[in-house]
C-alpha cells in the first residue's frame, strides 16, 4: 500500500532563588555542540518504561523517542501556526501497511526494522508488547482498555511480518489508542532474558534502560540529574532525525534554567515560570511557543470518600472560595485559558474542556460551609507535585490564603516529583492540585479516565455515580455508530453532572510553554505535551 493510500484508509477511522547558573559545556565537548541538543527542565524521569509502576510525565518523553509504535499521527497547523498532531489522521511508523476491516485491523511490519541491539523486529515482539500492556495492570492496562483493547487473545501473529488486532466491539477509540505512548514495541527476547518469576514482564530491567528500536536510545541515565540519548542511525520509523545527541539535564531552580537559556548554554526549556516566558518573549532573543493543552485541565481535586469532602456542600464551598482570577494573573500571567466564570445562562457545550459557572464568592462559600455543618471550617492538607513547583507552589499558596478566609486551614504538602504519581494513585490525598490531559482528544475519553466508576488511577477523587457511568458509556456507544443526537445528549449530561457534583474543580486549560534558541526549529505539539526530538533541527 502506498503512503497516500495508507493515509486515505485510516483518515476517518476515528470519525526559586537566583544563584549562578552551572556551566553545562566543557571545552572538550565544544566540537559536538552543533550536533547536540541540550534541554534543561525542572524534573526528569523516574522510570524509562511507560509500562512501569508510577512512571511520571517526564518518563513519557523517553518512551516516545526511544520506542516505536505501529502507527503515529500526521501533523497539521495548530494554534498560532504551530505544527500540531492531527487527531484523525494517521501515518505508518513501525507498520508499512494497515488494513482496517469490520472487526479487526491487520498490520504489515517494515521488513528492515531492527531493535537497538540489531535484532529484527517481528510480529512476535509486537504481540508480546501488546500482551504486556494489557496484562501489567495499572495505567497501561487501563489505557489499552479505553480503546477496548483488553485481552491478549485480541493480538494475533499471522506470520513473522504480520500481526492482526481483533476488535472486542465497535469503538472509535480503538485505532487512535494504538498511536499513543503505551502500545510501544519492545525487544521481547532481550527483556525475557532479564525477567524473573516474580517479574515476568521484566519491569525492573526496563525501568533502568530502554529496550526498543526507536529513533533514540538512552546511553546514560542518572536519576534526578541527567539523561543522555544517542540517535539510532538504523531507525526506519521515519526520516532520520537531524539531532544526533540529546543531553537532558535536571536543573531544579528556574532562575538557573533561564540563565542557561539567556547565556546560550542550553537550547530548550519548557517548564519555566510563566512570568519568565512573558519576559523572554518580550526580550525577543528566544523563540517562545505557547499552545493550549489538548483535552487538558489543571484542577483542584477532593477525595469524596474522605470527610468532609464526602459532603457536596463542602465541595461547592471550596469551589466558591477558589481565587480564580488571582491564579490567572499572579501565577499564569495570562498564559492559560480560564475554566471558570461561564455566564449563568450559558448552555452546556458538546465539548471538553469548558468553563464552569463558578466564580470567587467568599460570602457564598461561608454560607455553604455553615449549611454543611462546618461553620468554623476544618483543617486539611493541600498537596502538589514538587516536580512542577513553578506553577503548583504559588497556586497552592493562593488557594491556602483564600480557603483560610472561610475557616479552612490547610497545610501545604509538597510531594517530590518522583513520588507524585505513586502517592496520587493511593487515593489518600484529601485535597490536591493536578493536571490531567487526555491523550485522545474526545470528551468521553477524558471522562473515562477521570470520572468513570471503574475508578482508574486518574479518578483521584474516588468518585462513583451510576448516572455518570451510564452517560459516559452511552457516549462511547453512540460515537461508535455515529448516533450524533445521543452522543451530544450524553456529553452535555456528563459535563453537567460533573459540575453539579463537583468532585474536582477545573481552574484553567494550561498552555505548553517552550523556550528555544533562535537556531532551533521543528517543534511539534503532541497530545502527551512532551518534546519529540525526531522533528527538531539545530541550525
Protein backbone atom coordinates (compact mmCIF):
# COMPACT_ATOMS: atom_id res chain seq x y z
CA UNK A 1 0.00 0.00 0.00
CA UNK A 2 1.41 3.40 -0.96
CA UNK A 3 1.67 6.11 1.67
CA UNK A 4 -1.20 8.16 0.23
CA UNK A 5 -3.40 5.06 0.17
CA UNK A 6 -2.42 4.23 3.76
CA UNK A 7 -3.43 7.72 4.86
CA UNK A 8 -6.67 7.53 2.93
CA UNK A 9 -7.53 4.18 4.53
CA UNK A 10 -7.10 5.40 8.09
CA UNK A 11 -8.09 9.10 7.97
CA UNK A 12 -11.69 8.82 9.19
CA UNK A 13 -11.26 5.73 11.32
CA UNK A 14 -11.50 7.96 14.35
CA UNK A 15 -14.58 9.93 12.83
CA UNK A 16 13.06 29.83 43.17
CA UNK A 17 16.21 31.96 44.33
CA UNK A 18 18.69 33.01 41.69
CA UNK A 19 22.20 31.58 42.08
CA UNK A 20 24.93 31.47 39.42
CA UNK A 21 23.96 29.02 36.71
CA UNK A 22 26.20 25.96 36.46
CA UNK A 23 28.34 25.52 33.37
CA UNK A 24 26.97 22.89 31.01
CA UNK A 25 29.59 22.58 28.30
CA UNK A 26 33.24 21.60 28.71
CA UNK A 27 35.80 22.65 26.10
CA UNK A 28 36.18 19.02 25.08
CA UNK A 29 32.54 18.91 24.07
CA UNK A 30 32.51 22.18 22.15
CA UNK A 31 33.10 20.50 18.79
CA UNK A 32 30.00 18.35 19.28
CA UNK A 33 27.81 21.32 20.22
CA UNK A 34 26.26 21.70 16.78
CA UNK A 35 25.14 18.04 16.75
CA UNK A 36 23.80 18.05 20.30
CA UNK A 37 20.56 19.36 21.71
CA UNK A 38 20.78 20.42 25.34
CA UNK A 39 17.49 20.52 27.25
CA UNK A 40 17.06 21.79 30.81
CA UNK A 41 13.97 21.13 32.91
CA UNK A 42 12.75 21.20 36.49
CA UNK A 43 12.44 17.44 36.84
CA UNK A 44 13.26 14.27 34.94
CA UNK A 45 12.02 10.70 34.51
CA UNK A 46 11.67 8.30 37.43
CA UNK A 47 11.32 5.30 35.11
CA UNK A 48 12.30 4.70 31.46
CA UNK A 49 9.40 2.29 30.85
CA UNK A 50 5.90 3.61 30.08
CA UNK A 51 4.54 0.31 31.46
CA UNK A 52 6.34 0.81 34.78
CA UNK A 53 4.58 1.37 38.09
CA UNK A 54 4.21 5.09 38.80
CA UNK A 55 6.10 6.28 35.70
CA UNK A 56 5.92 10.07 35.77
CA UNK A 57 5.22 12.51 32.94
CA UNK A 58 8.91 13.14 32.10
CA UNK A 59 9.18 9.37 31.65
CA UNK A 60 6.72 9.68 28.75
CA UNK A 61 9.30 11.72 26.83
CA UNK A 62 11.90 8.95 26.98
CA UNK A 63 9.43 6.29 25.85
CA UNK A 64 8.08 8.40 22.99
CA UNK A 65 11.52 8.99 21.50
CA UNK A 66 13.12 5.59 22.21
CA UNK A 67 10.32 3.18 21.23
CA UNK A 68 8.21 2.80 18.10
CA UNK A 69 4.51 2.20 17.79
CA UNK A 70 2.73 0.62 14.84
CA UNK A 71 1.25 3.94 13.77
CA UNK A 72 1.52 7.61 14.64
CA UNK A 73 -0.29 10.84 13.73
CA UNK A 74 0.07 13.19 10.81
CA UNK A 75 0.67 16.86 11.63
CA UNK A 76 -1.44 19.91 10.86
CA UNK A 77 -1.18 23.64 11.57
CA UNK A 78 -2.35 24.37 15.11
CA UNK A 79 -2.87 27.49 17.25
CA UNK A 80 -0.51 30.25 16.17
CA UNK A 81 0.65 28.15 13.23
CA UNK A 82 2.49 25.68 15.49
CA UNK A 83 2.69 22.16 13.98
CA UNK A 84 0.07 20.13 15.87
CA UNK A 85 -0.79 16.43 15.77
CA UNK A 86 -3.89 15.65 13.72
CA UNK A 87 -6.32 13.71 15.91
CA UNK A 88 -7.99 11.98 12.96
CA UNK A 89 -5.12 11.26 10.55
CA UNK A 90 -2.55 8.51 10.96
CA UNK A 91 0.71 7.54 9.35
CA UNK A 92 2.84 4.38 9.48
CA UNK A 93 5.69 4.13 11.96
CA UNK A 94 6.75 0.51 12.56
CA UNK A 95 4.00 -0.68 10.21
CA UNK A 96 4.31 -0.12 6.49
CA UNK A 97 0.74 -1.16 5.75
CA UNK A 98 -2.54 -1.17 7.66
CA UNK A 99 -5.85 -2.66 6.56
CA UNK A 100 -8.92 -1.90 8.65
CA UNK A 101 -11.72 -4.45 8.45
CA UNK A 102 -15.13 -4.51 10.08
CA UNK A 103 -13.94 -6.14 13.31
CA UNK A 104 -10.14 -6.22 13.01
CA UNK A 105 -7.10 -4.35 11.73
CA UNK A 106 -4.07 -6.02 10.12
CA UNK A 107 -0.55 -4.56 10.08
CA UNK A 108 2.39 -5.48 7.87
CA UNK A 109 5.69 -4.59 9.54
CA UNK A 110 8.62 -2.87 7.87
CA UNK A 111 10.93 -5.76 7.00
CA UNK A 112 14.14 -3.86 7.72
CA UNK A 113 13.09 -2.70 11.22
CA UNK A 114 15.58 -3.61 13.94
CA UNK A 115 15.90 -3.08 17.67
CA UNK A 116 18.80 -1.12 19.11
CA UNK A 117 20.80 -4.34 19.62
CA UNK A 118 20.38 -5.29 15.96
CA UNK A 119 17.72 -7.98 16.46
CA UNK A 120 14.94 -7.87 13.85
CA UNK A 121 11.51 -6.63 14.90
CA UNK A 122 8.94 -9.41 14.39
CA UNK A 123 5.21 -9.87 14.81
CA UNK A 124 6.00 -11.92 17.94
CA UNK A 125 7.61 -8.84 19.50
CA UNK A 126 4.53 -6.78 18.68
CA UNK A 127 2.18 -9.35 20.21
CA UNK A 128 4.34 -9.77 23.34
CA UNK A 129 4.46 -5.98 23.78
CA UNK A 130 0.70 -5.58 23.43
CA UNK A 131 0.12 -8.61 25.70
CA UNK A 132 2.33 -6.90 28.26
CA UNK A 133 0.42 -3.62 28.01
CA UNK A 134 -2.96 -5.27 28.72
CA UNK A 135 -1.56 -7.53 31.45
CA UNK A 136 0.73 -5.50 33.73
CA UNK A 137 -2.18 -3.66 35.34
CA UNK A 138 -2.38 -0.02 36.42
CA UNK A 139 -2.08 2.83 33.99
CA UNK A 140 -1.01 0.97 30.81
CA UNK A 141 -3.75 -1.66 31.12
CA UNK A 142 -6.44 0.95 31.76
CA UNK A 143 -5.14 2.98 28.81
CA UNK A 144 -5.44 -0.01 26.49
CA UNK A 145 -8.92 -0.70 27.86
CA UNK A 146 -10.00 2.83 26.99
CA UNK A 147 -9.81 1.70 23.36
CA UNK A 148 -11.45 -1.69 24.07
CA UNK A 149 -8.08 -3.49 23.94
CA UNK A 150 -8.31 -5.76 26.97
CA UNK A 151 -7.38 -9.38 26.17
CA UNK A 152 -4.18 -10.98 24.91
CA UNK A 153 -6.32 -13.07 22.54
CA UNK A 154 -7.06 -9.92 20.56
CA UNK A 155 -3.43 -9.79 19.32
CA UNK A 156 -2.75 -12.46 16.69
CA UNK A 157 0.54 -13.32 14.94
CA UNK A 158 -0.36 -14.05 11.30
CA UNK A 159 3.24 -14.58 10.18
CA UNK A 160 6.68 -13.23 11.12
CA UNK A 161 5.87 -9.93 9.46
CA UNK A 162 2.13 -9.60 10.04
CA UNK A 163 0.01 -9.02 13.13
CA UNK A 164 -3.77 -8.74 13.42
CA UNK A 165 -5.68 -6.98 16.17
CA UNK A 166 -9.25 -8.19 16.68
CA UNK A 167 -11.80 -5.68 17.95
CA UNK A 168 -13.73 -6.56 21.10
CA UNK A 169 -16.51 -4.22 19.96
CA UNK A 170 -17.02 -1.30 17.63
CA UNK A 171 -15.21 1.59 19.30
CA UNK A 172 -13.96 4.75 17.61
CA UNK A 173 -11.15 4.98 20.20
CA UNK A 174 -9.51 1.66 19.21
CA UNK A 175 -7.34 2.83 16.29
CA UNK A 176 -6.32 6.14 17.96
CA UNK A 177 -5.38 4.16 21.07
CA UNK A 178 -2.73 2.31 19.05
CA UNK A 179 -0.95 5.62 18.35
CA UNK A 180 -0.46 6.70 21.99
CA UNK A 181 2.69 6.00 24.01
CA UNK A 182 1.58 2.80 25.79
CA UNK A 183 1.39 0.28 22.87
CA UNK A 184 5.11 0.67 22.14
CA UNK A 185 7.02 -2.24 20.64
CA UNK A 186 9.61 -3.81 22.96
CA UNK A 187 12.50 -6.18 22.28
CA UNK A 188 10.76 -9.19 23.80
CA UNK A 189 13.68 -11.64 23.70
CA UNK A 190 16.02 -9.17 25.39
CA UNK A 191 13.52 -8.36 28.14
CA UNK A 192 12.57 -12.02 28.69
CA UNK A 193 16.25 -12.82 29.30
CA UNK A 194 16.18 -10.24 32.08
CA UNK A 195 12.80 -11.18 33.57
CA UNK A 196 12.14 -13.44 36.54
CA UNK A 197 9.35 -15.48 38.08
CA UNK A 198 8.45 -12.56 40.32
CA UNK A 199 8.82 -10.07 37.45
CA UNK A 200 7.64 -11.93 34.31
CA UNK A 201 7.39 -8.77 32.21
CA UNK A 202 10.89 -7.56 33.07
CA UNK A 203 9.74 -4.25 34.54
CA UNK A 204 12.81 -3.88 36.74
CA UNK A 205 15.11 -4.26 33.73
CA UNK A 206 13.25 -1.76 31.53
CA UNK A 207 12.99 0.74 34.36
CA UNK A 208 16.75 1.32 34.09
CA UNK A 209 17.38 1.03 30.33
CA UNK A 210 15.49 1.21 27.08
CA UNK A 211 14.83 -1.98 25.09
CA UNK A 212 13.28 -0.65 21.92
CA UNK A 213 14.07 0.22 18.34
CA UNK A 214 13.03 3.88 18.24
CA UNK A 215 14.83 6.90 16.88
CA UNK A 216 16.91 7.36 20.06
CA UNK A 217 18.40 5.12 22.73
CA UNK A 218 19.37 6.00 26.29
CA UNK A 219 23.14 5.67 26.77
CA UNK A 220 23.27 7.14 30.27
CA UNK A 221 20.71 7.93 32.95
CA UNK A 222 21.49 9.40 36.34
CA UNK A 223 18.13 9.73 38.11
CA UNK A 224 17.36 13.30 39.09
CA UNK A 225 20.41 14.64 37.25
CA UNK A 226 20.74 13.75 33.57
CA UNK A 227 19.55 11.62 30.66
CA UNK A 228 21.75 11.20 27.58
CA UNK A 229 20.26 9.81 24.38
CA UNK A 230 22.02 8.98 21.11
CA UNK A 231 20.39 8.76 17.69
CA UNK A 232 19.68 5.29 16.32
CA UNK A 233 21.14 5.63 12.82
CA UNK A 234 19.38 2.42 11.72
CA UNK A 235 15.91 3.77 12.55
CA UNK A 236 13.30 3.16 9.83
CA UNK A 237 10.21 4.53 11.58
CA UNK A 238 10.51 7.88 9.78
CA UNK A 239 13.06 10.31 8.34
CA UNK A 240 16.38 10.10 10.20
CA UNK A 241 16.43 12.87 12.85
CA UNK A 242 18.83 15.77 12.36
CA UNK A 243 19.90 15.84 16.02
CA UNK A 244 22.49 13.17 16.83
CA UNK A 245 22.59 13.51 20.60
CA UNK A 246 20.22 14.79 23.29
CA UNK A 247 21.52 15.80 26.72
CA UNK A 248 18.63 16.42 29.11
CA UNK A 249 19.70 18.00 32.40
CA UNK A 250 17.59 18.42 35.50
CA UNK A 251 18.13 21.98 36.80
CA UNK A 252 15.60 22.45 39.63
CA UNK A 253 15.95 26.21 40.06
CA UNK A 254 14.02 28.21 37.46
CA UNK A 255 16.46 31.11 37.67
CA UNK A 256 19.30 28.83 36.66
CA UNK A 257 17.35 27.40 33.72
CA UNK A 258 16.57 30.89 32.48
CA UNK A 259 20.20 32.00 32.85
CA UNK A 260 21.41 28.98 30.86
CA UNK A 261 18.99 29.84 28.05
CA UNK A 262 19.88 33.52 28.01
CA UNK A 263 23.59 32.70 28.02
CA UNK A 264 23.11 30.33 25.09
CA UNK A 265 24.35 27.32 27.06
CA UNK A 266 21.01 25.49 26.83
CA UNK A 267 18.90 25.03 23.73
CA UNK A 268 15.42 24.37 25.14
CA UNK A 269 13.49 24.64 28.39
CA UNK A 270 9.77 24.06 28.77
CA UNK A 271 8.79 24.45 32.40
CA UNK A 272 9.90 27.92 33.43
CA UNK A 273 7.52 30.07 35.47
CA UNK A 274 5.01 31.83 33.22
CA UNK A 275 6.41 35.21 34.24
CA UNK A 276 9.73 34.21 32.70
CA UNK A 277 8.08 33.15 29.45
CA UNK A 278 6.28 36.50 29.20
CA UNK A 279 9.51 38.41 29.85
CA UNK A 280 11.59 36.26 27.48
CA UNK A 281 9.01 36.71 24.73
CA UNK A 282 9.21 40.46 25.26
CA UNK A 283 13.00 40.39 25.01
CA UNK A 284 12.75 38.72 21.60
CA UNK A 285 16.07 36.86 21.88
CA UNK A 286 14.50 33.38 22.06
CA UNK A 287 11.68 31.62 20.25
CA UNK A 288 8.72 31.19 22.63
CA UNK A 289 5.87 28.81 21.80
CA UNK A 290 2.62 28.72 23.81
CA UNK A 291 -0.04 26.13 22.87
CA UNK A 292 -3.15 25.09 24.90
CA UNK A 293 -3.09 21.52 26.24
CA UNK A 294 -5.37 19.36 24.15
CA UNK A 295 -8.17 17.91 26.31
CA UNK A 296 -6.41 19.17 29.45
CA UNK A 297 -7.30 20.91 32.71
CA UNK A 298 -5.46 21.97 35.86
CA UNK A 299 -7.83 21.32 38.74
CA UNK A 300 -8.35 21.18 42.47
CA UNK A 301 -9.34 17.64 43.41
CA UNK A 302 -11.20 16.48 46.53
CA UNK A 303 -11.39 12.84 47.60
CA UNK A 304 -15.12 12.23 48.02
CA UNK A 305 -14.51 9.20 50.27
CA UNK A 306 -12.65 11.30 52.87
CA UNK A 307 -14.73 13.53 55.21
CA UNK A 308 -15.59 16.35 54.98
CA UNK A 309 -15.15 16.18 51.19
CA UNK A 310 -17.82 13.46 51.06
CA UNK A 311 -20.29 16.35 51.57
CA UNK A 312 -21.28 18.03 48.25
CA UNK A 313 -21.88 21.36 50.01
CA UNK A 314 -18.30 21.36 51.30
CA UNK A 315 -17.03 20.75 47.78
CA UNK A 316 -19.21 23.55 46.42
CA UNK A 317 -17.97 25.86 49.19
CA UNK A 318 -14.38 25.18 48.16
CA UNK A 319 -15.33 25.87 44.53
CA UNK A 320 -16.76 29.24 45.54
CA UNK A 321 -13.64 30.13 47.56
CA UNK A 322 -11.00 29.47 44.88
CA UNK A 323 -9.21 32.73 43.86
CA UNK A 324 -9.56 32.01 40.14
CA UNK A 325 -8.56 35.37 38.67
CA UNK A 326 -5.65 35.81 41.10
CA UNK A 327 -4.27 32.49 39.91
CA UNK A 328 -4.64 33.58 36.27
CA UNK A 329 -2.88 36.89 36.91
CA UNK A 330 -0.23 36.15 39.55
CA UNK A 331 0.74 32.57 38.64
CA UNK A 332 -0.03 32.20 34.94
CA UNK A 333 0.42 35.77 33.69
CA UNK A 334 -2.40 35.14 31.24
CA UNK A 335 -0.78 32.05 29.66
CA UNK A 336 -3.81 29.78 30.16
CA UNK A 337 -7.48 29.61 29.23
CA UNK A 338 -9.89 30.22 32.15
CA UNK A 339 -12.18 27.31 33.05
CA UNK A 340 -14.46 29.35 35.35
CA UNK A 341 -16.96 32.18 35.17
CA UNK A 342 -19.24 30.95 32.37
CA UNK A 343 -22.42 33.02 32.02
CA UNK A 344 -25.16 31.74 34.31
CA UNK A 345 -27.48 31.11 31.35
CA UNK A 346 -24.83 29.68 29.01
CA UNK A 347 -25.84 26.26 27.65
CA UNK A 348 -23.55 23.29 28.16
CA UNK A 349 -21.44 22.65 25.07
CA UNK A 350 -20.73 19.30 23.42
CA UNK A 351 -17.04 19.85 24.16
CA UNK A 352 -14.32 19.42 26.73
CA UNK A 353 -12.80 21.26 28.43
CA UNK A 354 -15.34 24.01 29.04
CA UNK A 355 -15.72 26.54 31.87
CA UNK A 356 -17.86 26.09 34.96
CA UNK A 357 -20.17 28.83 36.22
CA UNK A 358 -18.16 29.18 39.46
CA UNK A 359 -16.56 32.50 40.43
CA UNK A 360 -14.86 33.60 43.64
CA UNK A 361 -17.66 34.35 46.16
CA UNK A 362 -16.37 34.19 49.74
CA UNK A 363 -19.75 35.05 51.32
CA UNK A 364 -21.48 32.23 49.44
CA UNK A 365 -18.64 29.85 50.33
CA UNK A 366 -19.01 30.66 54.06
CA UNK A 367 -22.77 30.13 53.88
CA UNK A 368 -22.37 26.76 52.13
CA UNK A 369 -19.81 25.63 54.68
CA UNK A 370 -22.19 26.54 57.51
CA UNK A 371 -25.03 24.65 55.80
CA UNK A 372 -22.73 21.64 55.55
CA UNK A 373 -22.22 21.71 59.33
CA UNK A 374 -18.77 23.36 59.36
CA UNK A 375 -19.45 26.99 60.36
CA UNK A 376 -15.95 27.24 61.84
CA UNK A 377 -14.25 25.41 58.99
CA UNK A 378 -11.83 22.50 59.40
CA UNK A 379 -8.21 21.50 58.89
CA UNK A 380 -6.81 19.54 55.94
CA UNK A 381 -3.74 19.17 53.72
CA UNK A 382 -3.30 20.60 50.24
CA UNK A 383 -0.86 18.53 48.15
CA UNK A 384 1.05 19.24 44.96
CA UNK A 385 3.71 17.77 42.68
CA UNK A 386 7.07 19.37 43.54
CA UNK A 387 8.32 18.33 40.08
CA UNK A 388 6.22 21.19 38.67
CA UNK A 389 6.62 23.59 41.58
CA UNK A 390 6.97 26.66 39.35
CA UNK A 391 3.19 26.75 38.89
CA UNK A 392 1.94 24.46 41.66
CA UNK A 393 3.55 26.17 44.65
CA UNK A 394 2.29 29.74 44.09
CA UNK A 395 -1.09 28.32 43.06
CA UNK A 396 -1.36 26.39 46.34
CA UNK A 397 -0.29 29.42 48.40
CA UNK A 398 -3.10 31.49 46.84
CA UNK A 399 -5.64 28.70 47.43
CA UNK A 400 -4.42 28.29 51.02
CA UNK A 401 -4.93 32.01 51.68
CA UNK A 402 -8.40 32.04 50.13
CA UNK A 403 -9.63 28.91 51.92
CA UNK A 404 -8.38 30.44 55.15
CA UNK A 405 -10.94 33.22 54.69
CA UNK A 406 -13.77 30.69 55.07
CA UNK A 407 -12.17 28.85 58.00
CA UNK A 408 -10.48 26.00 56.12
CA UNK A 409 -6.94 25.77 57.46
CA UNK A 410 -4.66 23.95 55.03
CA UNK A 411 -1.14 22.61 55.47
CA UNK A 412 0.67 22.52 52.13
CA UNK A 413 2.12 19.09 51.38
CA UNK A 414 4.97 19.15 48.83
CA UNK A 415 5.46 15.72 47.25
CA UNK A 416 8.67 15.04 45.28
CA UNK A 417 8.05 14.60 41.57
CA UNK A 418 9.49 11.07 41.52
CA UNK A 419 6.88 10.02 44.12
CA UNK A 420 3.90 12.10 42.98
CA UNK A 421 2.16 9.60 40.73
CA UNK A 422 2.54 6.80 43.32
CA UNK A 423 1.12 8.96 46.13
CA UNK A 424 -1.73 10.21 43.95
CA UNK A 425 -2.64 6.66 42.98
CA UNK A 426 -3.03 5.61 46.62
CA UNK A 427 -6.10 7.90 46.71
CA UNK A 428 -5.42 9.07 50.24
CA UNK A 429 -4.85 12.78 49.47
CA UNK A 430 -7.92 14.72 50.65
CA UNK A 431 -7.22 17.94 48.71
CA UNK A 432 -4.67 18.49 45.96
CA UNK A 433 -3.97 20.15 42.64
CA UNK A 434 -3.01 18.28 39.49
CA UNK A 435 -3.19 18.39 35.70
CA UNK A 436 -4.89 15.80 33.56
CA UNK A 437 -4.72 15.93 29.78
CA UNK A 438 -6.46 13.17 27.84
CA UNK A 439 -4.25 11.69 25.11
CA UNK A 440 -7.25 11.06 22.84
CA UNK A 441 -8.99 14.37 22.28
CA UNK A 442 -12.60 13.31 22.92
CA UNK A 443 -14.79 14.37 25.90
CA UNK A 444 -15.80 10.77 26.70
CA UNK A 445 -12.15 9.69 26.80
CA UNK A 446 -11.33 12.34 29.45
CA UNK A 447 -14.33 11.23 31.49
CA UNK A 448 -13.49 7.52 31.18
CA UNK A 449 -10.19 8.30 32.90
CA UNK A 450 -11.33 10.85 35.45
CA UNK A 451 -14.97 10.26 36.40
CA UNK A 452 -15.90 6.67 35.48
CA UNK A 453 -16.84 4.33 38.33
CA UNK A 454 -14.22 1.84 37.13
CA UNK A 455 -12.08 4.15 39.27
CA UNK A 456 -8.96 4.48 37.12
CA UNK A 457 -5.75 5.83 38.63
CA UNK A 458 -6.72 9.33 37.40
CA UNK A 459 -10.12 9.22 39.11
CA UNK A 460 -8.16 10.60 42.04
CA UNK A 461 -11.37 11.76 43.74
CA UNK A 462 -12.66 8.14 44.12
CA UNK A 463 -15.87 9.47 42.56
CA UNK A 464 -18.57 7.00 41.56
CA UNK A 465 -22.01 7.64 40.09
CA UNK A 466 -24.17 5.22 38.11
CA UNK A 467 -25.77 8.13 36.24
CA UNK A 468 -22.30 9.38 35.25
CA UNK A 469 -21.19 5.92 34.11
CA UNK A 470 -24.34 5.44 32.01
CA UNK A 471 -23.77 8.71 30.16
CA UNK A 472 -20.06 8.08 29.57
CA UNK A 473 -20.73 4.59 28.22
CA UNK A 474 -23.69 5.89 26.24
CA UNK A 475 -21.46 8.46 24.53
CA UNK A 476 -18.87 5.78 23.69
CA UNK A 477 -21.55 3.53 22.17
CA UNK A 478 -23.16 6.41 20.27
CA UNK A 479 -19.80 7.53 18.83
CA UNK A 480 -19.10 4.01 17.55
CA UNK A 481 -22.24 4.03 15.38
CA UNK A 482 -22.37 7.75 14.55
CA UNK A 483 -25.51 8.48 16.60
CA UNK A 484 -24.87 12.23 17.00
CA UNK A 485 -28.09 13.10 18.85
CA UNK A 486 -27.47 10.54 21.62
CA UNK A 487 -23.78 11.42 21.75
CA UNK A 488 -24.49 15.14 22.18
CA UNK A 489 -27.11 14.49 24.86
CA UNK A 490 -24.80 12.21 26.87
CA UNK A 491 -21.78 14.54 26.65
CA UNK A 492 -23.84 17.50 27.85
CA UNK A 493 -25.27 15.28 30.57
CA UNK A 494 -21.99 14.05 31.99
CA UNK A 495 -20.45 17.55 31.93
CA UNK A 496 -23.48 18.96 33.78
CA UNK A 497 -23.27 16.19 36.39
CA UNK A 498 -19.53 16.72 36.89
CA UNK A 499 -20.18 20.40 37.58
CA UNK A 500 -23.13 19.63 39.89
CA UNK A 501 -21.34 17.00 42.00
CA UNK A 502 -18.02 18.93 41.67
CA UNK A 503 -15.58 16.26 42.90
CA UNK A 504 -12.89 18.27 41.12
CA UNK A 505 -12.83 21.97 40.32
CA UNK A 506 -11.48 22.97 36.89
CA UNK A 507 -9.21 26.01 37.18
CA UNK A 508 -7.83 26.57 33.69
CA UNK A 509 -6.69 24.90 30.49
CA UNK A 510 -2.88 25.14 30.72
CA UNK A 511 -0.55 26.10 27.91
CA UNK A 512 2.59 24.21 26.95
CA UNK A 513 5.25 26.93 27.01
CA UNK A 514 8.56 26.20 25.34
CA UNK A 515 11.59 28.50 25.10
CA UNK A 516 14.12 27.71 22.37
CA UNK A 517 17.22 29.27 20.91
CA UNK A 518 16.63 31.02 17.58
CA UNK A 519 18.64 28.34 15.76
CA UNK A 520 16.34 25.53 16.98
CA UNK A 521 13.31 24.73 14.84
CA UNK A 522 10.88 21.90 14.19
CA UNK A 523 8.95 21.97 17.47
CA UNK A 524 5.69 19.98 17.25
CA UNK A 525 2.84 19.88 19.75
CA UNK A 526 1.83 16.34 20.72
CA UNK A 527 -1.01 15.02 22.89
CA UNK A 528 1.50 13.91 25.56
CA UNK A 529 2.85 17.51 25.75
CA UNK A 530 6.48 16.36 25.71
CA UNK A 531 9.27 17.05 23.22
CA UNK A 532 9.58 15.00 20.03
CA UNK A 533 13.32 15.11 19.31
CA UNK A 534 12.82 13.42 15.95
CA UNK A 535 11.48 16.60 14.33
CA UNK A 536 13.83 19.11 15.97
CA UNK A 537 16.57 20.77 13.92
CA UNK A 538 19.53 22.77 15.15
CA UNK A 539 21.00 25.09 12.54
